[in-house]
Structures are given as C-alpha cells and as structure tokens.
Amino acid sequence: MSHAGARRAARAIDALRRGWPFRVEGADGSLDLLAVESARDAALAEFSGHDMLLSGERAVTLKLTNQRVAATPGPVRLANAADTVTAALAIADPALDLANPLKGPFHTIATGGEAAATAAMTMARHAGLLPAFFVREAAGEAETACSVDDVAALLDPTRLEVAARARLPVEASESAEIIAFRSPEEASDHVALIVGKRDGNPPVVRLHSECLTGDVLGSLKCDCGPQLHAALHTMADAPWGVLLYLRQEGRGIGLVNKLRAYALQDQGYDTVDANLRLGFPVEARDFAIAGRMLELLNIPRIRLMTNNPEKVSRLEKEGVEIVERLPLALPTNKYNEQYLATKRDRTGHQL
C-alpha cells in the first residue's frame, strides 16, 4: 500500500473534519464533497452544489430506496436537496427528525461515482461525522484530493507497528506490560495489555473496543466497564492473557455519534436501529487491526473471551487460530437490560 496515498487520504479526512471541500477519485467517477456536519454556509456558497450524498442506511430510514436495494444499501444522491447547511442537517441528522417530520419530496439521481461515494462514507465514519455530504461532479482543480485506493491504504492494518512498551502494574496484575501500536498517518493508538507470564499455551484474549462512557465513567447503559475488568481478572487467574484495547468507540462510529445513538435510544429505538437511523452499519469495527496486533505480538493461537460469534469468524479470517471461545457472563441492570437483549436477539451474541 502506498505511503503517499495514505498521506493524501489523511489530508482529505482532515479537510472533511474542518468543513473544507475535497475530492475523491474513483475508477467509475470522481466527486467533489463537503461534509454537511462540519460545513458552514459560506463554504457551501463557494462550493456551488446543493445535491446531497447520504449513506444507504440513512436513505433506507428516509424511505429513499426500494426493498432490493435496502438489503445491501449503497450511497444515495439527492438532487437539489438543500441550499443551506441547516436544511441539510435536517435531512442528515436523525436527532432533528421529530422537529422536521415532513422531508422531501426528494429526487434521487446516479451518484456520479459509486466507488468514490462509498469511500466518502468510510471517511465520514473514520472522522466521527455524520455520513452526509454536499456533492457535485469533480470540476476544475481540487486543493485536496485522494483516490479510493488512497483511502484503502490509510486503513490498511498492515501499516500498524509497535510504537512503545513498558511495564504497567494494574489492579488485576502487578506484573502487566502495556504495548502501544501506531500507524504513521493515524491519530488513534491501539494498545495491548499482557497479563501474566507468557508460556507455550494459547493466551486468554479479550478484544475490547474503547468505551469512554463505560470504561471511564461507569455508564450503566452498557456492560463494557464490567466486561473489561472481569476479563482482566480472568486473565490474571489464567497462566497468561492479552487485552487488545481497540480505539473504535461506539462500534466504530466514534464518541459523538455514539452519544447521538444514546439520544435515539432515549426516544425508544434499540441500539441497532439507532445506528441505522444515523446512517451507519450496525457493526463498523475493523477486527483486522486486532489480527495485526496479534501478529506483531507473535500470538497465532488464542482462547478468545467473547459472547460475539462474529468476532470469532472475523479473527479467523485474519489467520488467527481460535482454540476455544470463552463466554463472559455478567449481571444486568435496569438500564442495560434492553441493550443486552438487543445484542442477543439482533446481533447474535450468546453465552
């Protein structure tokens, strides 16, 4: 994968976050884009495009796709959808759905570049922004541009390398070691915590996606904090174990979008439907990162502690041999009962 390409994609994501226009080039067409969430009306006036590009999931919520397309939703382009940022946010942000119940009518047209449109949605998720853009066909010179291949290069897990390591006594084990992993153009550093003394047996491994609200603040809406601490104590009781702490807040949609999903849950939507209304897939995490971390740690065989069978299959696709799945059973509370039932009934979690 190209280092220069990854740098171009990183610059484009930076422009996306700052509300600057950027271009994504694909084999079937190139698009000029301006992220709705970070845009300002002055930037939109200079952009001279009022079409909008929405994720397939958000389009399904707005009933802009038929059932066949909804099964595998792709980005949808709306012609002349909004001439102000406020009007665009009313379409893109589900928190505003109740205040703006009558949207449209909309006229959908060809995206102008399916590969570029799909890459843009990945970039929005990576930036932690709503997957919605002002869009137009590429015209003239672009100050910031990247290709679909550049985005793939930026997200290539093989770019991950060990950055630092140190001894870290923790409550569960005073002999733990922490190892940080970094990709050159990425802002987030993933970490592994090795608990106990390494031997020839497969370690107990827990993949834990970052959860600020649960891990740090003790949120009762999820079971992340208790799972994290229970996993560490289980590792301490085993010969050895490895916690892989992945910086993929909110199942990969970012902290701000996770809090938006929480607000939707307060309106009565479960965690699956909340993600879909925001315009995101139900599962947006990249488990290839975990596979790369285990490769760098020279750990080919593991005992995986999880209630999620998808983690098993996704890690096996990365070449990790899982010799045993260890369930992690914890008590519920009145705030997370529905959340845990949704994981069981809609995303296949099991003990």
Protein backbone atom coordinates (compact mmCIF):
# COMPACT_ATOMS: atom_id res chain seq x y z
CA MET A 1 0.00 0.00 0.00
CA SER A 2 1.23 3.49 -0.87
CA HIS A 3 2.62 5.75 1.86
CA ALA A 4 1.91 8.78 -0.33
CA GLY A 5 -1.64 7.55 -0.89
CA ALA A 6 -2.25 7.17 2.84
CA ARG A 7 -1.00 10.73 3.39
CA ARG A 8 -3.38 12.04 0.72
CA ALA A 9 -6.31 10.26 2.38
CA ALA A 10 -5.30 11.61 5.81
CA ARG A 11 -5.22 15.16 4.43
CA ALA A 12 -8.66 14.64 2.86
CA ILE A 13 -10.11 13.41 6.17
CA ASP A 14 -8.60 16.44 7.88
CA ALA A 15 -10.35 18.67 5.32
CA LEU A 16 -13.58 16.76 5.92
CA ARG A 17 -13.40 17.44 9.66
CA ARG A 18 -12.62 21.13 9.13
CA GLY A 19 -15.51 21.75 6.74
CA TRP A 20 -13.34 22.18 3.67
CA PRO A 21 -14.17 20.73 0.26
CA PHE A 22 -12.20 17.74 -1.01
CA ARG A 23 -12.25 15.34 -3.92
CA VAL A 24 -12.44 11.55 -4.02
CA GLU A 25 -11.40 9.93 -7.28
CA GLY A 26 -12.70 6.52 -8.33
CA ALA A 27 -12.49 4.37 -11.43
CA ASP A 28 -16.18 4.96 -12.21
CA GLY A 29 -16.22 8.69 -11.46
CA SER A 30 -14.81 11.42 -9.21
CA LEU A 31 -16.78 13.55 -6.74
CA ASP A 32 -16.23 16.88 -5.04
CA LEU A 33 -17.57 16.71 -1.50
CA LEU A 34 -18.26 18.92 1.51
CA ALA A 35 -19.27 17.26 4.80
CA VAL A 36 -22.66 18.54 5.95
CA GLU A 37 -21.90 18.40 9.66
CA SER A 38 -18.72 20.48 9.53
CA ALA A 39 -19.74 22.83 6.67
CA ARG A 40 -20.70 26.48 7.01
CA ASP A 41 -22.97 28.41 4.65
CA ALA A 42 -20.02 30.48 3.39
CA ALA A 43 -18.18 27.33 2.37
CA LEU A 44 -21.36 25.98 0.75
CA ALA A 45 -21.75 29.17 -1.30
CA GLU A 46 -18.24 28.70 -2.66
CA PHE A 47 -18.89 25.01 -3.25
CA SER A 48 -21.82 25.77 -5.61
CA GLY A 49 -23.54 22.42 -5.22
CA HIS A 50 -26.82 21.64 -3.49
CA ASP A 51 -27.09 17.92 -4.18
CA MET A 52 -26.63 15.69 -1.13
CA LEU A 53 -24.98 12.30 -0.75
CA LEU A 54 -26.35 10.11 2.05
CA SER A 55 -25.37 6.66 3.23
CA GLY A 56 -27.58 3.78 2.19
CA GLU A 57 -28.61 3.16 5.79
CA ARG A 58 -29.83 6.75 6.22
CA ALA A 59 -31.58 6.57 2.85
CA VAL A 60 -33.48 3.48 3.99
CA THR A 61 -34.64 5.38 7.09
CA LEU A 62 -35.90 8.18 4.83
CA LYS A 63 -37.55 5.55 2.59
CA LEU A 64 -35.49 6.58 -0.43
CA THR A 65 -34.58 3.05 -1.53
CA ASN A 66 -36.63 0.05 -2.53
CA GLN A 67 -36.51 -3.28 -0.72
CA ARG A 68 -33.98 -4.86 -3.07
CA VAL A 69 -31.52 -2.02 -2.57
CA ALA A 70 -32.27 -1.82 1.13
CA ALA A 71 -30.93 -5.36 1.57
CA THR A 72 -27.46 -4.09 0.64
CA PRO A 73 -27.82 -0.31 0.82
CA GLY A 74 -25.35 1.90 -1.02
CA PRO A 75 -24.93 5.68 -1.03
CA VAL A 76 -27.83 7.70 -2.45
CA ARG A 77 -27.64 11.11 -4.13
CA LEU A 78 -30.48 13.61 -3.78
CA ALA A 79 -30.80 16.33 -6.45
CA ASN A 80 -31.10 19.92 -5.19
CA ALA A 81 -31.81 18.66 -1.69
CA ALA A 82 -30.70 21.64 0.40
CA ASP A 83 -29.41 25.16 -0.18
CA THR A 84 -28.29 25.79 3.42
CA VAL A 85 -26.39 23.80 6.00
CA THR A 86 -29.38 23.97 8.35
CA ALA A 87 -31.65 22.44 5.71
CA ALA A 88 -29.09 19.71 5.01
CA LEU A 89 -28.71 18.87 8.69
CA ALA A 90 -32.48 18.41 8.96
CA ILE A 91 -32.10 15.64 6.38
CA ALA A 92 -28.86 14.14 7.69
CA ASP A 93 -29.27 14.25 11.47
CA PRO A 94 -31.87 11.88 12.97
CA ALA A 95 -31.94 13.95 16.15
CA LEU A 96 -33.86 16.51 14.07
CA ASP A 97 -36.34 14.03 12.61
CA LEU A 98 -39.07 14.79 15.15
CA ALA A 99 -38.68 18.53 14.59
CA ASN A 100 -38.73 18.05 10.81
CA PRO A 101 -41.10 15.12 10.20
CA LEU A 102 -42.01 16.04 6.61
CA LYS A 103 -38.92 15.80 4.43
CA GLY A 104 -38.84 15.96 0.64
CA PRO A 105 -40.09 15.17 -1.85
CA PHE A 106 -36.65 14.07 -2.98
CA HIS A 107 -35.43 13.21 -6.45
CA THR A 108 -32.65 10.62 -6.44
CA ILE A 109 -30.09 10.52 -9.23
CA ALA A 110 -26.96 8.50 -10.04
CA THR A 111 -24.17 9.15 -7.56
CA GLY A 112 -21.68 10.02 -10.29
CA GLY A 113 -19.17 7.54 -8.89
CA GLU A 114 -20.18 4.59 -6.73
CA ALA A 115 -16.68 3.76 -5.55
CA ALA A 116 -15.94 7.38 -4.60
CA ALA A 117 -19.31 7.69 -2.83
CA THR A 118 -18.68 4.52 -0.80
CA ALA A 119 -15.17 5.70 0.13
CA ALA A 120 -16.63 9.03 1.30
CA MET A 121 -18.94 7.21 3.70
CA THR A 122 -15.98 5.31 5.12
CA MET A 123 -14.10 8.59 5.56
CA ALA A 124 -17.03 10.19 7.40
CA ARG A 125 -17.22 7.26 9.80
CA HIS A 126 -13.46 7.39 10.31
CA ALA A 127 -13.76 11.11 11.12
CA GLY A 128 -16.63 10.54 13.54
CA LEU A 129 -19.04 12.70 11.50
CA LEU A 130 -22.49 12.05 10.11
CA PRO A 131 -22.29 10.22 6.74
CA ALA A 132 -23.79 13.05 4.70
CA PHE A 133 -22.21 15.38 2.13
CA PHE A 134 -22.94 18.14 -0.29
CA VAL A 135 -21.79 16.66 -3.60
CA ARG A 136 -21.10 17.59 -7.19
CA GLU A 137 -19.19 16.08 -10.09
CA ALA A 138 -15.49 16.88 -9.95
CA ALA A 139 -14.78 20.18 -11.67
CA GLY A 140 -11.52 22.10 -12.12
CA GLU A 141 -8.55 21.72 -9.80
CA ALA A 142 -9.03 20.38 -6.27
CA GLU A 143 -6.98 21.78 -3.39
CA THR A 144 -7.33 18.47 -1.52
CA ALA A 145 -7.86 15.16 -3.28
CA CYS A 146 -7.43 11.45 -2.73
CA SER A 147 -8.42 8.28 -4.50
CA VAL A 148 -10.43 5.27 -3.42
CA ASP A 149 -7.15 3.34 -3.27
CA ASP A 150 -5.66 6.05 -1.04
CA VAL A 151 -8.44 5.53 1.50
CA ALA A 152 -7.78 1.79 1.45
CA ALA A 153 -4.08 2.46 2.01
CA LEU A 154 -4.79 4.66 5.02
CA LEU A 155 -6.94 1.97 6.62
CA ASP A 156 -4.61 -0.92 5.78
CA PRO A 157 -3.95 -2.71 9.11
CA THR A 158 -0.50 -3.89 7.99
CA ARG A 159 0.67 -0.28 8.47
CA LEU A 160 0.27 -0.80 12.21
CA GLU A 161 3.55 -1.22 14.09
CA VAL A 162 4.71 -1.39 17.72
CA ALA A 163 5.43 2.15 18.94
CA ALA A 164 6.32 1.70 22.62
CA ARG A 165 6.11 -0.74 25.51
CA ALA A 166 6.51 -0.53 29.28
CA ARG A 167 5.77 -2.35 32.50
CA LEU A 168 2.39 -1.31 33.91
CA PRO A 169 1.21 -2.66 37.25
CA VAL A 170 -2.60 -2.73 37.24
CA GLU A 171 -5.19 -3.67 39.82
CA ALA A 172 -5.69 -7.13 38.29
CA SER A 173 -1.97 -7.88 37.85
CA GLU A 174 1.08 -6.06 39.14
CA SER A 175 3.28 -7.70 36.50
CA ALA A 176 1.37 -6.50 33.42
CA GLU A 177 3.06 -4.98 30.38
CA ILE A 178 1.45 -2.41 28.07
CA ILE A 179 2.32 -2.16 24.37
CA ALA A 180 1.21 0.69 22.10
CA PHE A 181 0.63 0.30 18.35
CA ARG A 182 0.57 3.12 15.81
CA SER A 183 0.06 3.68 12.09
CA PRO A 184 2.04 6.57 10.55
CA GLU A 185 -0.90 8.75 9.47
CA GLU A 186 -3.42 7.75 12.13
CA ALA A 187 -4.32 9.73 15.24
CA SER A 188 -5.53 6.80 17.36
CA ASP A 189 -3.08 4.47 19.07
CA HIS A 190 -4.27 0.96 19.93
CA VAL A 191 -2.83 -0.85 22.95
CA ALA A 192 -2.33 -4.35 24.25
CA LEU A 193 -2.02 -5.28 27.90
CA ILE A 194 -0.20 -8.55 28.56
CA VAL A 195 -1.20 -10.08 31.88
CA GLY A 196 0.81 -12.88 33.48
CA LYS A 197 3.89 -14.70 32.26
CA ARG A 198 3.94 -15.82 28.64
CA ASP A 199 4.28 -19.57 28.09
CA GLY A 200 3.71 -22.02 25.24
CA ASN A 201 -0.06 -22.20 25.75
CA PRO A 202 -2.59 -20.06 23.87
CA PRO A 203 -3.41 -17.00 25.98
CA VAL A 204 -6.83 -15.83 27.04
CA VAL A 205 -7.52 -12.88 24.74
CA ARG A 206 -10.17 -10.20 25.00
CA LEU A 207 -10.88 -7.73 22.18
CA HIS A 208 -12.26 -4.65 23.88
CA SER A 209 -13.39 -1.64 21.86
CA GLU A 210 -12.88 1.68 23.57
CA CYS A 211 -15.92 2.88 25.55
CA LEU A 212 -15.31 6.15 27.35
CA THR A 213 -18.73 6.17 28.97
CA GLY A 214 -18.48 2.59 30.24
CA ASP A 215 -14.76 2.13 30.86
CA VAL A 216 -14.08 5.51 32.49
CA LEU A 217 -17.38 7.00 33.64
CA GLY A 218 -19.08 3.78 34.78
CA SER A 219 -22.08 4.04 32.47
CA LEU A 220 -24.94 1.69 33.33
CA LYS A 221 -26.31 1.81 29.75
CA CYS A 222 -23.83 -0.84 28.59
CA ASP A 223 -21.76 -3.65 30.07
CA CYS A 224 -18.38 -2.50 28.74
CA GLY A 225 -16.76 -1.44 32.01
CA PRO A 226 -17.69 -4.60 33.92
CA GLN A 227 -16.65 -6.76 30.93
CA LEU A 228 -13.25 -5.05 30.81
CA HIS A 229 -12.50 -5.59 34.48
CA ALA A 230 -13.89 -9.12 34.56
CA ALA A 231 -11.72 -10.02 31.57
CA LEU A 232 -8.58 -8.70 33.24
CA HIS A 233 -9.25 -10.71 36.40
CA THR A 234 -9.92 -13.84 34.34
CA MET A 235 -6.57 -13.34 32.60
CA ALA A 236 -4.85 -12.88 35.95
CA ASP A 237 -6.26 -16.24 37.08
CA ALA A 238 -5.12 -17.94 33.86
CA PRO A 239 -1.47 -18.65 33.09
CA TRP A 240 -1.47 -15.53 30.91
CA GLY A 241 -3.71 -13.33 28.80
CA VAL A 242 -3.80 -10.38 26.43
CA LEU A 243 -6.24 -7.49 26.37
CA LEU A 244 -6.42 -5.80 22.96
CA TYR A 245 -7.86 -2.33 23.56
CA LEU A 246 -9.07 -1.04 20.19
CA ARG A 247 -9.72 2.66 19.67
CA GLN A 248 -13.05 2.08 17.95
CA GLU A 249 -15.56 3.93 20.11
CA GLY A 250 -19.22 3.18 19.57
CA ARG A 251 -18.65 0.05 17.45
CA GLY A 252 -16.56 2.15 15.10
CA ILE A 253 -18.78 5.24 14.68
CA GLY A 254 -16.98 7.50 17.17
CA LEU A 255 -17.87 9.09 20.51
CA VAL A 256 -20.11 11.90 19.23
CA ASN A 257 -22.14 9.57 17.04
CA LYS A 258 -22.41 7.08 19.91
CA LEU A 259 -23.92 9.80 22.09
CA ARG A 260 -26.33 10.59 19.26
CA ALA A 261 -27.29 6.92 19.25
CA TYR A 262 -27.86 7.13 23.01
CA ALA A 263 -30.24 10.06 22.46
CA LEU A 264 -32.13 8.00 19.87
CA GLN A 265 -32.34 5.13 22.34
CA ASP A 266 -34.00 7.53 24.77
CA GLN A 267 -36.63 8.05 22.06
CA GLY A 268 -37.34 4.31 22.06
CA TYR A 269 -35.01 2.92 19.36
CA ASP A 270 -32.77 -0.02 20.20
CA THR A 271 -29.03 0.15 19.62
CA VAL A 272 -29.29 -1.47 16.16
CA ASP A 273 -31.99 0.85 14.85
CA ALA A 274 -30.26 3.88 16.37
CA ASN A 275 -27.10 3.18 14.36
CA LEU A 276 -29.10 2.65 11.18
CA ARG A 277 -31.05 5.89 11.62
CA LEU A 278 -27.75 7.72 12.00
CA GLY A 279 -26.73 6.26 8.66
CA PHE A 280 -24.18 3.73 9.87
CA PRO A 281 -23.92 -0.05 9.63
CA VAL A 282 -24.77 -1.98 12.77
CA GLU A 283 -21.15 -3.16 13.04
CA ALA A 284 -18.44 -0.76 11.83
CA ARG A 285 -15.41 -2.04 13.74
CA ASP A 286 -12.29 -3.28 11.96
CA PHE A 287 -11.15 -6.53 13.56
CA ALA A 288 -8.26 -6.81 11.11
CA ILE A 289 -6.48 -4.39 13.45
CA ALA A 290 -6.68 -6.98 16.22
CA GLY A 291 -5.32 -9.63 13.85
CA ARG A 292 -2.35 -7.40 13.05
CA MET A 293 -1.69 -6.71 16.76
CA LEU A 294 -1.61 -10.44 17.49
CA GLU A 295 0.72 -10.96 14.54
CA LEU A 296 3.12 -8.34 15.87
CA LEU A 297 2.96 -9.98 19.29
CA ASN A 298 3.69 -13.37 17.67
CA ILE A 299 0.49 -14.91 19.04
CA PRO A 300 -1.04 -17.20 16.38
CA ARG A 301 -3.35 -19.25 18.66
CA ILE A 302 -5.69 -17.86 21.30
CA ARG A 303 -8.55 -18.60 23.67
CA LEU A 304 -10.96 -15.82 22.81
CA MET A 305 -13.14 -14.37 25.55
CA THR A 306 -16.31 -13.13 23.84
CA ASN A 307 -20.06 -13.55 23.59
CA ASN A 308 -19.97 -12.41 19.97
CA PRO A 309 -19.54 -15.23 17.40
CA GLU A 310 -18.76 -12.64 14.72
CA LYS A 311 -15.52 -11.81 16.50
CA VAL A 312 -14.55 -15.46 16.19
CA SER A 313 -15.23 -15.63 12.45
CA ARG A 314 -13.67 -12.24 11.72
CA LEU A 315 -10.46 -13.09 13.59
CA GLU A 316 -10.25 -16.50 11.92
CA LYS A 317 -10.40 -14.71 8.56
CA GLU A 318 -7.30 -12.81 9.67
CA GLY A 319 -5.44 -16.08 10.19
CA VAL A 320 -5.80 -16.29 13.97
CA GLU A 321 -6.47 -19.81 15.26
CA ILE A 322 -9.11 -19.76 18.00
CA VAL A 323 -8.82 -22.93 20.02
CA GLU A 324 -11.63 -22.03 22.42
CA ARG A 325 -14.35 -19.42 22.89
CA LEU A 326 -14.80 -18.37 26.50
CA PRO A 327 -18.16 -16.73 27.35
CA LEU A 328 -18.28 -13.72 29.63
CA ALA A 329 -21.47 -13.67 31.73
CA LEU A 330 -22.26 -10.63 33.88
CA PRO A 331 -25.38 -9.46 35.74
CA THR A 332 -27.65 -6.93 34.06
CA ASN A 333 -29.21 -3.77 35.45
CA LYS A 334 -32.41 -1.89 34.63
CA TYR A 335 -30.53 0.48 32.30
CA ASN A 336 -28.80 -2.10 30.11
CA GLU A 337 -31.33 -4.95 30.03
CA GLN A 338 -32.76 -3.89 26.66
CA TYR A 339 -29.28 -3.22 25.25
CA LEU A 340 -28.11 -6.72 26.16
CA ALA A 341 -31.35 -8.27 24.87
CA THR A 342 -30.80 -6.48 21.55
CA LYS A 343 -27.25 -7.86 21.32
CA ARG A 344 -28.64 -11.33 21.94
CA ASP A 345 -31.67 -11.13 19.63
CA ARG A 346 -30.42 -8.94 16.79
CA THR A 347 -26.64 -9.33 16.60
CA GLY A 348 -26.27 -12.98 17.64
CA HIS A 349 -24.47 -12.60 20.97
CA GLN A 350 -24.55 -15.74 23.10
CA LEU A 351 -23.07 -17.17 26.26
